Amino acid sequence: MKRVNNRQYNKIILVIGIIVVVAALLYMFTLTQANRRLVSQNADLQTEVTAAKRDNQAIKENKVQKYSAKNLTLASTSSVANINTFLKTSFEWDFTNWSTRQTRAQKYATPSVVKKMIGNLNMQSKSTQSYIKFLKKDNVYQKINSKHVYVENSDGQKINGIATVNSSLIDGNKTTSHQVQWYHFTYDVQKHQVIQITPVSVN
């Protein structure tokens, strides 16, 4: 009888021992997995920090970054349409509207800016009339391929920014010249006009 009890007791001890070992192994496995996840998360975090530092450095080195669309204020947003219209009036024309560019542009820019971008047309002169006839006869026109306006944060009074215009001059349906021009401008929010504009060298 005692031998039977001893055997049962030994079996119970053995089972308990196995359970303890299995539990210990499971605990160690769980701990190892948690450590691996922690190491992985730390590595991911370090990667993100490195990327952020790299992006910040790129921003510092980008000379046009401050003229980003992200910096548009409410005043700037409502003014960019006028700036775009002024650029289109200056750079996109054919024989039907070339002669009216100066008048139309004066709504969006001061006389000095209009003169710098378009010139001072004398519609009564024979040379101007002859040039219009030439544009029509030879089907000469200029078109904008693309244009972009980048502005700084506005103080509510004036907006500084950079405009880029990619245009082509067409003569008889053949492109005779192609140019990309950059300008630094100042826009007066109260006057709703470009008050200064200067070509920018990108070399």
N, C-alpha and C. Protein backbone atom coordinates (compact mmCIF):
# COMPACT_ATOMS: atom_id res chain seq x y z
N MET A 1 0.84 -1.20 0.00
CA MET A 1 0.00 0.00 0.00
C MET A 1 0.87 1.25 0.00
N LYS A 2 1.95 1.21 0.81
CA LYS A 2 2.85 2.34 0.87
C LYS A 2 3.57 2.55 -0.46
N ARG A 3 3.91 1.38 -1.14
CA ARG A 3 4.58 1.50 -2.43
C ARG A 3 3.69 2.20 -3.46
N VAL A 4 2.39 1.85 -3.43
CA VAL A 4 1.45 2.48 -4.36
C VAL A 4 1.37 3.96 -4.09
N ASN A 5 1.27 4.32 -2.82
CA ASN A 5 1.19 5.75 -2.47
C ASN A 5 2.46 6.49 -2.89
N ASN A 6 3.61 5.83 -2.71
CA ASN A 6 4.88 6.46 -3.11
C ASN A 6 4.93 6.69 -4.61
N ARG A 7 4.44 5.71 -5.37
CA ARG A 7 4.42 5.85 -6.83
C ARG A 7 3.53 7.00 -7.27
N GLN A 8 2.35 7.07 -6.66
CA GLN A 8 1.43 8.16 -7.00
C GLN A 8 2.03 9.51 -6.64
N TYR A 9 2.68 9.52 -5.48
CA TYR A 9 3.31 10.77 -5.03
C TYR A 9 4.42 11.20 -6.00
N ASN A 10 5.21 10.20 -6.44
CA ASN A 10 6.28 10.50 -7.39
C ASN A 10 5.72 11.01 -8.72
N LYS A 11 4.62 10.41 -9.18
CA LYS A 11 3.98 10.85 -10.42
C LYS A 11 3.50 12.29 -10.31
N ILE A 12 2.90 12.61 -9.15
CA ILE A 12 2.40 13.97 -8.94
C ILE A 12 3.55 14.97 -8.97
N ILE A 13 4.63 14.60 -8.28
CA ILE A 13 5.82 15.47 -8.26
C ILE A 13 6.36 15.67 -9.67
N LEU A 14 6.39 14.57 -10.44
CA LEU A 14 6.91 14.63 -11.81
C LEU A 14 6.04 15.55 -12.68
N VAL A 15 4.72 15.38 -12.55
CA VAL A 15 3.80 16.22 -13.33
C VAL A 15 3.98 17.69 -12.97
N ILE A 16 4.07 17.96 -11.66
CA ILE A 16 4.26 19.35 -11.21
C ILE A 16 5.56 19.91 -11.76
N GLY A 17 6.59 19.07 -11.73
CA GLY A 17 7.89 19.51 -12.25
C GLY A 17 7.82 19.86 -13.72
N ILE A 18 7.12 18.98 -14.49
CA ILE A 18 6.97 19.23 -15.93
C ILE A 18 6.22 20.54 -16.17
N ILE A 19 5.15 20.73 -15.38
CA ILE A 19 4.36 21.96 -15.53
C ILE A 19 5.21 23.19 -15.25
N VAL A 20 6.01 23.11 -14.20
CA VAL A 20 6.88 24.24 -13.84
C VAL A 20 7.88 24.53 -14.95
N VAL A 21 8.48 23.47 -15.51
CA VAL A 21 9.46 23.64 -16.59
C VAL A 21 8.82 24.27 -17.82
N VAL A 22 7.64 23.73 -18.19
CA VAL A 22 6.93 24.27 -19.36
C VAL A 22 6.56 25.74 -19.14
N ALA A 23 6.07 26.05 -17.94
CA ALA A 23 5.71 27.43 -17.63
C ALA A 23 6.92 28.34 -17.72
N ALA A 24 8.06 27.85 -17.21
CA ALA A 24 9.29 28.64 -17.26
C ALA A 24 9.73 28.88 -18.70
N LEU A 25 9.63 27.82 -19.53
CA LEU A 25 9.99 27.96 -20.94
C LEU A 25 9.09 28.96 -21.67
N LEU A 26 7.77 28.86 -21.38
CA LEU A 26 6.82 29.78 -22.00
C LEU A 26 7.12 31.22 -21.59
N TYR A 27 7.45 31.39 -20.30
CA TYR A 27 7.77 32.73 -19.81
C TYR A 27 9.01 33.28 -20.50
N MET A 28 10.03 32.43 -20.63
CA MET A 28 11.26 32.86 -21.29
C MET A 28 11.00 33.20 -22.76
N PHE A 29 10.16 32.39 -23.43
CA PHE A 29 9.83 32.63 -24.83
C PHE A 29 9.10 33.96 -24.99
N THR A 30 8.12 34.19 -24.09
CA THR A 30 7.36 35.44 -24.13
C THR A 30 8.26 36.64 -23.90
N LEU A 31 9.17 36.49 -22.94
CA LEU A 31 10.11 37.58 -22.63
C LEU A 31 11.02 37.86 -23.82
N THR A 32 11.47 36.78 -24.47
CA THR A 32 12.33 36.95 -25.64
C THR A 32 11.60 37.67 -26.78
N GLN A 33 10.34 37.29 -27.02
CA GLN A 33 9.55 37.94 -28.06
C GLN A 33 9.35 39.41 -27.76
N ALA A 34 9.08 39.72 -26.48
CA ALA A 34 8.88 41.12 -26.08
C ALA A 34 10.15 41.93 -26.31
N ASN A 35 11.29 41.32 -25.96
CA ASN A 35 12.57 42.00 -26.17
C ASN A 35 12.83 42.25 -27.65
N ARG A 36 12.48 41.25 -28.47
CA ARG A 36 12.67 41.42 -29.91
C ARG A 36 11.80 42.54 -30.46
N ARG A 37 10.54 42.61 -29.99
CA ARG A 37 9.65 43.69 -30.43
C ARG A 37 10.20 45.05 -30.01
N LEU A 38 10.73 45.11 -28.79
CA LEU A 38 11.29 46.36 -28.28
C LEU A 38 12.49 46.80 -29.11
N VAL A 39 13.35 45.83 -29.43
CA VAL A 39 14.52 46.14 -30.26
C VAL A 39 14.08 46.63 -31.63
N SER A 40 13.06 45.97 -32.20
CA SER A 40 12.55 46.36 -33.51
C SER A 40 11.96 47.77 -33.49
N GLN A 41 11.17 48.05 -32.43
CA GLN A 41 10.57 49.38 -32.30
C GLN A 41 11.65 50.46 -32.15
N ASN A 42 12.68 50.14 -31.37
CA ASN A 42 13.78 51.10 -31.20
C ASN A 42 14.49 51.36 -32.53
N ALA A 43 14.66 50.31 -33.32
CA ALA A 43 15.31 50.46 -34.62
C ALA A 43 14.47 51.32 -35.55
N ASP A 44 13.13 51.06 -35.54
CA ASP A 44 12.22 51.86 -36.37
C ASP A 44 12.25 53.33 -35.95
N LEU A 45 12.27 53.56 -34.65
CA LEU A 45 12.31 54.93 -34.13
C LEU A 45 13.60 55.64 -34.55
N GLN A 46 14.69 54.91 -34.48
CA GLN A 46 15.98 55.48 -34.87
C GLN A 46 15.98 55.83 -36.36
N THR A 47 15.35 54.97 -37.16
CA THR A 47 15.24 55.22 -38.60
C THR A 47 14.44 56.49 -38.87
N GLU A 48 13.32 56.66 -38.13
CA GLU A 48 12.50 57.85 -38.29
C GLU A 48 13.25 59.11 -37.88
N VAL A 49 14.00 59.03 -36.79
CA VAL A 49 14.79 60.19 -36.33
C VAL A 49 15.83 60.56 -37.38
N THR A 50 16.50 59.54 -37.94
CA THR A 50 17.51 59.79 -38.96
C THR A 50 16.89 60.45 -40.19
N ALA A 51 15.71 59.94 -40.60
CA ALA A 51 15.02 60.50 -41.76
C ALA A 51 14.60 61.94 -41.50
N ALA A 52 14.13 62.21 -40.28
CA ALA A 52 13.70 63.57 -39.93
C ALA A 52 14.88 64.53 -39.98
N LYS A 53 16.03 64.09 -39.46
CA LYS A 53 17.23 64.93 -39.50
C LYS A 53 17.64 65.20 -40.94
N ARG A 54 17.56 64.17 -41.79
CA ARG A 54 17.93 64.33 -43.18
C ARG A 54 16.98 65.31 -43.89
N ASP A 55 15.68 65.18 -43.61
CA ASP A 55 14.70 66.09 -44.21
C ASP A 55 14.92 67.53 -43.75
N ASN A 56 15.21 67.71 -42.46
CA ASN A 56 15.46 69.05 -41.93
C ASN A 56 16.68 69.68 -42.59
N GLN A 57 17.70 68.88 -42.82
CA GLN A 57 18.90 69.40 -43.46
C GLN A 57 18.60 69.79 -44.90
N ALA A 58 17.78 68.98 -45.58
CA ALA A 58 17.42 69.28 -46.96
C ALA A 58 16.63 70.59 -47.03
N ILE A 59 15.76 70.80 -46.06
CA ILE A 59 14.97 72.03 -46.03
C ILE A 59 15.88 73.23 -45.84
N LYS A 60 16.86 73.10 -44.95
CA LYS A 60 17.77 74.21 -44.71
C LYS A 60 18.57 74.56 -45.96
N GLU A 61 18.90 73.55 -46.76
CA GLU A 61 19.73 73.76 -47.93
C GLU A 61 18.94 74.21 -49.16
N ASN A 62 17.63 74.09 -49.10
CA ASN A 62 16.79 74.47 -50.25
C ASN A 62 16.48 75.95 -50.20
N LYS A 63 17.03 76.72 -51.14
CA LYS A 63 16.89 78.17 -51.12
C LYS A 63 15.46 78.64 -51.38
N VAL A 64 14.66 77.82 -52.04
CA VAL A 64 13.30 78.23 -52.38
C VAL A 64 12.28 77.64 -51.43
N GLN A 65 12.76 76.87 -50.42
CA GLN A 65 11.84 76.16 -49.53
C GLN A 65 10.90 77.09 -48.79
N LYS A 66 11.39 78.27 -48.40
CA LYS A 66 10.54 79.16 -47.62
C LYS A 66 9.38 79.71 -48.45
N TYR A 67 9.49 79.60 -49.78
CA TYR A 67 8.40 80.04 -50.65
C TYR A 67 7.50 78.85 -50.99
N SER A 68 7.16 78.08 -49.98
CA SER A 68 6.41 76.85 -50.18
C SER A 68 4.91 77.10 -50.13
N ALA A 69 4.16 76.25 -50.84
CA ALA A 69 2.69 76.36 -50.80
C ALA A 69 2.17 76.11 -49.39
N LYS A 70 2.96 75.42 -48.55
CA LYS A 70 2.54 75.17 -47.17
C LYS A 70 2.48 76.46 -46.36
N ASN A 71 3.18 77.50 -46.84
CA ASN A 71 3.24 78.75 -46.10
C ASN A 71 2.15 79.74 -46.50
N LEU A 72 1.24 79.31 -47.33
CA LEU A 72 0.18 80.21 -47.77
C LEU A 72 -0.74 80.60 -46.60
N THR A 73 -0.90 81.90 -46.42
CA THR A 73 -1.87 82.37 -45.44
C THR A 73 -3.17 82.63 -46.19
N LEU A 74 -4.21 82.98 -45.46
CA LEU A 74 -5.50 83.26 -46.09
C LEU A 74 -5.37 84.41 -47.07
N ALA A 75 -4.66 85.48 -46.67
CA ALA A 75 -4.47 86.63 -47.55
C ALA A 75 -3.68 86.23 -48.79
N SER A 76 -2.66 85.42 -48.59
CA SER A 76 -1.85 85.00 -49.72
C SER A 76 -2.66 84.17 -50.70
N THR A 77 -3.47 83.28 -50.18
CA THR A 77 -4.27 82.41 -51.04
C THR A 77 -5.18 83.21 -51.95
N SER A 78 -5.80 84.23 -51.43
CA SER A 78 -6.72 85.05 -52.24
C SER A 78 -5.97 85.95 -53.21
N SER A 79 -4.69 86.18 -52.97
CA SER A 79 -3.90 87.07 -53.83
C SER A 79 -3.19 86.33 -54.95
N VAL A 80 -2.91 85.05 -54.74
CA VAL A 80 -2.18 84.28 -55.74
C VAL A 80 -2.91 84.24 -57.07
N ALA A 81 -4.24 84.24 -57.04
CA ALA A 81 -5.02 84.24 -58.28
C ALA A 81 -4.70 85.48 -59.11
N ASN A 82 -4.57 86.65 -58.45
CA ASN A 82 -4.24 87.88 -59.16
C ASN A 82 -2.83 87.82 -59.74
N ILE A 83 -1.91 87.26 -58.98
CA ILE A 83 -0.53 87.13 -59.46
C ILE A 83 -0.48 86.22 -60.68
N ASN A 84 -1.21 85.11 -60.62
CA ASN A 84 -1.26 84.18 -61.75
C ASN A 84 -1.87 84.84 -62.98
N THR A 85 -2.91 85.63 -62.77
CA THR A 85 -3.55 86.33 -63.90
C THR A 85 -2.59 87.32 -64.53
N PHE A 86 -1.83 88.02 -63.68
CA PHE A 86 -0.85 88.98 -64.20
C PHE A 86 0.20 88.27 -65.04
N LEU A 87 0.68 87.12 -64.58
CA LEU A 87 1.67 86.36 -65.32
C LEU A 87 1.11 85.87 -66.65
N LYS A 88 -0.11 85.39 -66.62
CA LYS A 88 -0.73 84.91 -67.87
C LYS A 88 -0.92 86.06 -68.85
N THR A 89 -1.34 87.22 -68.36
CA THR A 89 -1.53 88.38 -69.22
C THR A 89 -0.21 88.81 -69.85
N SER A 90 0.88 88.70 -69.09
CA SER A 90 2.19 89.14 -69.57
C SER A 90 2.80 88.16 -70.58
N PHE A 91 2.60 86.87 -70.34
CA PHE A 91 3.36 85.87 -71.11
C PHE A 91 2.54 85.10 -72.15
N GLU A 92 1.24 85.18 -72.11
CA GLU A 92 0.45 84.39 -73.05
C GLU A 92 -0.37 85.32 -73.94
N TRP A 93 -0.11 85.28 -75.25
CA TRP A 93 -0.77 86.22 -76.15
C TRP A 93 -0.74 85.71 -77.60
N ASP A 94 -1.61 86.31 -78.42
CA ASP A 94 -1.57 86.13 -79.86
C ASP A 94 -1.97 87.46 -80.48
N PHE A 95 -2.24 87.48 -81.79
CA PHE A 95 -2.51 88.76 -82.44
C PHE A 95 -3.83 89.39 -81.97
N THR A 96 -4.72 88.59 -81.37
CA THR A 96 -6.02 89.14 -80.95
C THR A 96 -5.94 89.89 -79.63
N ASN A 97 -4.94 89.58 -78.79
CA ASN A 97 -4.88 90.23 -77.48
C ASN A 97 -3.51 90.81 -77.12
N TRP A 98 -2.55 90.71 -78.04
CA TRP A 98 -1.21 91.24 -77.76
C TRP A 98 -1.27 92.73 -77.43
N SER A 99 -2.05 93.48 -78.18
CA SER A 99 -2.10 94.93 -78.01
C SER A 99 -2.82 95.38 -76.75
N THR A 100 -3.63 94.49 -76.15
CA THR A 100 -4.39 94.88 -74.95
C THR A 100 -3.73 94.41 -73.66
N ARG A 101 -2.59 93.76 -73.77
CA ARG A 101 -1.92 93.23 -72.57
C ARG A 101 -1.62 94.33 -71.57
N GLN A 102 -1.12 95.44 -72.06
CA GLN A 102 -0.73 96.52 -71.17
C GLN A 102 -1.90 97.03 -70.35
N THR A 103 -3.03 97.25 -71.00
CA THR A 103 -4.22 97.75 -70.30
C THR A 103 -4.75 96.73 -69.32
N ARG A 104 -4.80 95.47 -69.74
CA ARG A 104 -5.34 94.43 -68.87
C ARG A 104 -4.44 94.17 -67.66
N ALA A 105 -3.12 94.27 -67.86
CA ALA A 105 -2.18 93.99 -66.79
C ALA A 105 -2.19 95.06 -65.70
N GLN A 106 -2.59 96.29 -66.06
CA GLN A 106 -2.58 97.38 -65.09
C GLN A 106 -3.54 97.16 -63.93
N LYS A 107 -4.47 96.24 -64.09
CA LYS A 107 -5.38 95.91 -63.00
C LYS A 107 -4.65 95.13 -61.91
N TYR A 108 -3.57 94.42 -62.29
CA TYR A 108 -2.91 93.52 -61.36
C TYR A 108 -1.49 93.96 -60.98
N ALA A 109 -0.99 95.05 -61.56
CA ALA A 109 0.37 95.50 -61.27
C ALA A 109 0.48 97.01 -61.47
N THR A 110 1.46 97.60 -60.82
CA THR A 110 1.69 99.04 -60.94
C THR A 110 2.23 99.34 -62.35
N PRO A 111 2.12 100.59 -62.80
CA PRO A 111 2.62 100.96 -64.14
C PRO A 111 4.09 100.61 -64.36
N SER A 112 4.92 100.80 -63.34
CA SER A 112 6.35 100.49 -63.51
C SER A 112 6.58 99.00 -63.71
N VAL A 113 5.83 98.16 -63.01
CA VAL A 113 5.95 96.71 -63.16
C VAL A 113 5.45 96.28 -64.54
N VAL A 114 4.32 96.86 -64.97
CA VAL A 114 3.77 96.53 -66.29
C VAL A 114 4.76 96.91 -67.38
N LYS A 115 5.38 98.08 -67.25
CA LYS A 115 6.35 98.54 -68.25
C LYS A 115 7.54 97.60 -68.30
N LYS A 116 7.99 97.13 -67.13
CA LYS A 116 9.14 96.22 -67.08
C LYS A 116 8.83 94.89 -67.74
N MET A 117 7.61 94.39 -67.54
CA MET A 117 7.24 93.06 -68.05
C MET A 117 6.72 93.07 -69.48
N ILE A 118 6.03 94.13 -69.86
CA ILE A 118 5.36 94.17 -71.16
C ILE A 118 5.92 95.24 -72.08
N GLY A 119 6.34 96.36 -71.49
CA GLY A 119 6.80 97.48 -72.30
C GLY A 119 5.77 98.60 -72.27
N ASN A 120 6.04 99.63 -73.03
CA ASN A 120 5.13 100.78 -73.09
C ASN A 120 4.62 100.90 -74.52
N LEU A 121 3.50 100.25 -74.79
CA LEU A 121 2.97 100.18 -76.15
C LEU A 121 2.26 101.48 -76.54
N ASN A 122 2.53 101.93 -77.73
CA ASN A 122 1.82 103.08 -78.31
C ASN A 122 0.92 102.54 -79.41
N MET A 123 -0.35 102.40 -79.07
CA MET A 123 -1.27 101.76 -80.02
C MET A 123 -1.53 102.60 -81.25
N GLN A 124 -1.18 103.88 -81.22
CA GLN A 124 -1.43 104.75 -82.37
C GLN A 124 -0.28 104.73 -83.37
N SER A 125 0.86 104.17 -82.95
CA SER A 125 2.02 104.19 -83.84
C SER A 125 1.87 103.18 -84.98
N LYS A 126 2.47 103.52 -86.11
CA LYS A 126 2.41 102.63 -87.27
C LYS A 126 3.17 101.34 -87.01
N SER A 127 4.26 101.44 -86.24
CA SER A 127 5.06 100.24 -85.97
C SER A 127 4.27 99.21 -85.16
N THR A 128 3.47 99.69 -84.21
CA THR A 128 2.65 98.78 -83.40
C THR A 128 1.60 98.10 -84.27
N GLN A 129 0.94 98.87 -85.11
CA GLN A 129 -0.08 98.31 -85.99
C GLN A 129 0.52 97.33 -86.99
N SER A 130 1.72 97.65 -87.47
CA SER A 130 2.39 96.75 -88.41
C SER A 130 2.77 95.44 -87.73
N TYR A 131 3.17 95.54 -86.46
CA TYR A 131 3.56 94.33 -85.73
C TYR A 131 2.36 93.42 -85.51
N ILE A 132 1.21 94.00 -85.22
CA ILE A 132 -0.01 93.21 -85.02
C ILE A 132 -0.36 92.47 -86.31
N LYS A 133 -0.21 93.15 -87.44
CA LYS A 133 -0.49 92.52 -88.74
C LYS A 133 0.48 91.38 -89.00
N PHE A 134 1.73 91.58 -88.59
CA PHE A 134 2.74 90.53 -88.75
C PHE A 134 2.38 89.30 -87.92
N LEU A 135 1.95 89.52 -86.66
CA LEU A 135 1.57 88.41 -85.79
C LEU A 135 0.43 87.60 -86.41
N LYS A 136 -0.52 88.30 -86.97
CA LYS A 136 -1.68 87.63 -87.57
C LYS A 136 -1.28 86.87 -88.83
N LYS A 137 -0.52 87.54 -89.69
CA LYS A 137 -0.13 86.95 -90.98
C LYS A 137 0.71 85.69 -90.80
N ASP A 138 1.68 85.74 -89.88
CA ASP A 138 2.58 84.60 -89.70
C ASP A 138 2.15 83.65 -88.58
N ASN A 139 0.99 83.94 -87.99
CA ASN A 139 0.46 83.10 -86.91
C ASN A 139 1.49 82.95 -85.79
N VAL A 140 1.96 84.10 -85.31
CA VAL A 140 2.95 84.12 -84.23
C VAL A 140 2.21 84.32 -82.91
N TYR A 141 2.53 83.49 -81.93
CA TYR A 141 1.91 83.64 -80.61
C TYR A 141 2.81 83.04 -79.54
N GLN A 142 2.55 83.37 -78.31
CA GLN A 142 3.32 82.83 -77.19
C GLN A 142 2.37 82.13 -76.24
N LYS A 143 2.78 80.98 -75.74
CA LYS A 143 1.95 80.22 -74.81
C LYS A 143 2.74 79.86 -73.57
N ILE A 144 2.02 79.70 -72.47
CA ILE A 144 2.63 79.27 -71.20
C ILE A 144 2.48 77.76 -71.08
N ASN A 145 3.60 77.09 -70.89
CA ASN A 145 3.56 75.64 -70.69
C ASN A 145 3.26 75.30 -69.23
N SER A 146 3.82 76.09 -68.33
CA SER A 146 3.56 75.90 -66.90
C SER A 146 4.01 77.15 -66.16
N LYS A 147 3.38 77.40 -65.02
CA LYS A 147 3.79 78.52 -64.16
C LYS A 147 3.48 78.15 -62.72
N HIS A 148 4.33 78.66 -61.81
CA HIS A 148 4.17 78.37 -60.39
C HIS A 148 4.44 79.62 -59.58
N VAL A 149 3.70 79.78 -58.50
CA VAL A 149 3.88 80.91 -57.60
C VAL A 149 4.12 80.37 -56.20
N TYR A 150 5.24 80.78 -55.58
CA TYR A 150 5.58 80.37 -54.23
C TYR A 150 5.66 81.63 -53.37
N VAL A 151 5.01 81.63 -52.23
CA VAL A 151 4.97 82.84 -51.41
C VAL A 151 5.40 82.56 -49.98
N GLU A 152 5.88 83.62 -49.31
CA GLU A 152 6.22 83.55 -47.91
C GLU A 152 4.95 83.77 -47.08
N ASN A 153 5.08 83.55 -45.77
CA ASN A 153 4.00 83.94 -44.88
C ASN A 153 3.80 85.45 -44.98
N SER A 154 2.55 85.87 -45.06
CA SER A 154 2.25 87.28 -45.25
C SER A 154 1.99 87.98 -43.92
N ASP A 155 2.38 89.26 -43.85
CA ASP A 155 2.06 90.05 -42.66
C ASP A 155 0.71 90.72 -42.80
N GLY A 156 -0.01 90.41 -43.88
CA GLY A 156 -1.32 91.00 -44.12
C GLY A 156 -1.26 92.25 -44.96
N GLN A 157 -0.05 92.77 -45.17
CA GLN A 157 0.11 93.99 -45.95
C GLN A 157 0.78 93.71 -47.30
N LYS A 158 1.88 92.97 -47.24
CA LYS A 158 2.63 92.66 -48.46
C LYS A 158 3.01 91.19 -48.48
N ILE A 159 3.17 90.68 -49.68
CA ILE A 159 3.55 89.29 -49.87
C ILE A 159 4.79 89.25 -50.75
N ASN A 160 5.83 88.57 -50.29
CA ASN A 160 7.02 88.34 -51.10
C ASN A 160 6.99 86.91 -51.61
N GLY A 161 7.49 86.72 -52.81
CA GLY A 161 7.48 85.37 -53.34
C GLY A 161 8.32 85.22 -54.58
N ILE A 162 8.29 84.03 -55.13
CA ILE A 162 9.00 83.71 -56.37
C ILE A 162 8.01 83.10 -57.35
N ALA A 163 8.09 83.55 -58.61
CA ALA A 163 7.24 83.02 -59.67
C ALA A 163 8.13 82.42 -60.75
N THR A 164 7.72 81.28 -61.28
CA THR A 164 8.43 80.67 -62.40
C THR A 164 7.47 80.52 -63.57
N VAL A 165 7.96 80.86 -64.77
CA VAL A 165 7.13 80.78 -65.97
C VAL A 165 7.90 80.03 -67.05
N ASN A 166 7.30 78.98 -67.55
CA ASN A 166 7.86 78.20 -68.64
C ASN A 166 7.02 78.50 -69.89
N SER A 167 7.62 79.16 -70.89
CA SER A 167 6.84 79.59 -72.06
C SER A 167 7.53 79.24 -73.37
N SER A 168 6.75 79.24 -74.44
CA SER A 168 7.28 78.96 -75.78
C SER A 168 6.73 79.98 -76.77
N LEU A 169 7.59 80.45 -77.66
CA LEU A 169 7.17 81.35 -78.74
C LEU A 169 6.97 80.52 -79.99
N ILE A 170 5.79 80.60 -80.58
CA ILE A 170 5.42 79.79 -81.74
C ILE A 170 5.32 80.68 -82.97
N ASP A 171 5.97 80.27 -84.05
CA ASP A 171 5.92 81.01 -85.31
C ASP A 171 5.47 80.05 -86.41
N GLY A 172 4.23 80.26 -86.88
CA GLY A 172 3.71 79.37 -87.92
C GLY A 172 3.62 77.94 -87.46
N ASN A 173 3.17 77.75 -86.21
CA ASN A 173 3.00 76.42 -85.60
C ASN A 173 4.33 75.70 -85.34
N LYS A 174 5.44 76.43 -85.42
CA LYS A 174 6.74 75.87 -85.09
C LYS A 174 7.34 76.64 -83.92
N THR A 175 7.81 75.91 -82.92
CA THR A 175 8.40 76.56 -81.75
C THR A 175 9.76 77.15 -82.14
N THR A 176 9.88 78.47 -81.99
CA THR A 176 11.13 79.13 -82.35
C THR A 176 12.00 79.41 -81.13
N SER A 177 11.38 79.50 -79.96
CA SER A 177 12.17 79.69 -78.74
C SER A 177 11.40 79.16 -77.54
N HIS A 178 12.17 78.75 -76.55
CA HIS A 178 11.60 78.18 -75.33
C HIS A 178 12.39 78.74 -74.16
N GLN A 179 11.71 79.21 -73.13
CA GLN A 179 12.44 79.79 -72.00
C GLN A 179 11.73 79.53 -70.68
N VAL A 180 12.54 79.42 -69.64
CA VAL A 180 12.05 79.31 -68.27
C VAL A 180 12.58 80.52 -67.51
N GLN A 181 11.67 81.31 -66.96
CA GLN A 181 12.07 82.54 -66.27
C GLN A 181 11.61 82.51 -64.82
N TRP A 182 12.46 83.04 -63.94
CA TRP A 182 12.18 83.14 -62.51
C TRP A 182 12.14 84.61 -62.13
N TYR A 183 11.19 84.96 -61.26
CA TYR A 183 11.07 86.34 -60.81
C TYR A 183 10.83 86.37 -59.30
N HIS A 184 11.45 87.33 -58.64
CA HIS A 184 11.12 87.63 -57.25
C HIS A 184 10.17 88.81 -57.27
N PHE A 185 9.04 88.70 -56.57
CA PHE A 185 8.04 89.76 -56.62
C PHE A 185 7.57 90.16 -55.23
N THR A 186 6.98 91.35 -55.17
CA THR A 186 6.30 91.82 -53.95
C THR A 186 4.90 92.23 -54.35
N TYR A 187 3.92 91.70 -53.64
CA TYR A 187 2.51 91.97 -53.93
C TYR A 187 1.90 92.75 -52.77
N ASP A 188 1.23 93.86 -53.08
CA ASP A 188 0.56 94.68 -52.07
C ASP A 188 -0.86 94.18 -51.89
N VAL A 189 -1.15 93.64 -50.70
CA VAL A 189 -2.46 93.04 -50.44
C VAL A 189 -3.57 94.09 -50.47
N GLN A 190 -3.28 95.30 -49.99
CA GLN A 190 -4.30 96.35 -49.95
C GLN A 190 -4.59 96.89 -51.34
N LYS A 191 -3.56 97.05 -52.16
CA LYS A 191 -3.74 97.58 -53.52
C LYS A 191 -4.15 96.50 -54.51
N HIS A 192 -3.95 95.24 -54.11
CA HIS A 192 -4.25 94.10 -55.00
C HIS A 192 -3.39 94.16 -56.27
N GLN A 193 -2.13 94.54 -56.10
CA GLN A 193 -1.24 94.68 -57.25
C GLN A 193 0.18 94.21 -56.93
N VAL A 194 0.86 93.74 -57.97
CA VAL A 194 2.29 93.48 -57.87
C VAL A 194 2.98 94.84 -57.92
N ILE A 195 3.80 95.16 -56.91
CA ILE A 195 4.42 96.48 -56.85
C ILE A 195 5.92 96.43 -57.17
N GLN A 196 6.49 95.24 -57.16
CA GLN A 196 7.91 95.08 -57.52
C GLN A 196 8.10 93.70 -58.16
N ILE A 197 8.98 93.65 -59.15
CA ILE A 197 9.30 92.35 -59.74
C ILE A 197 10.71 92.43 -60.33
N THR A 198 11.51 91.39 -60.05
CA THR A 198 12.90 91.37 -60.48
C THR A 198 13.28 89.98 -60.96
N PRO A 199 13.93 89.89 -62.10
CA PRO A 199 14.38 88.57 -62.57
C PRO A 199 15.35 87.92 -61.60
N VAL A 200 15.27 86.62 -61.46
CA VAL A 200 16.14 85.86 -60.55
C VAL A 200 17.01 84.92 -61.36
N SER A 201 18.31 84.94 -61.11
CA SER A 201 19.21 84.02 -61.76
C SER A 201 19.21 82.70 -61.02
N VAL A 202 19.06 81.60 -61.74
CA VAL A 202 19.04 80.27 -61.11
C VAL A 202 20.33 79.52 -61.39
N ASN A 203 21.32 80.20 -61.92
CA ASN A 203 22.62 79.56 -62.21
C ASN A 203 23.41 79.36 -60.93
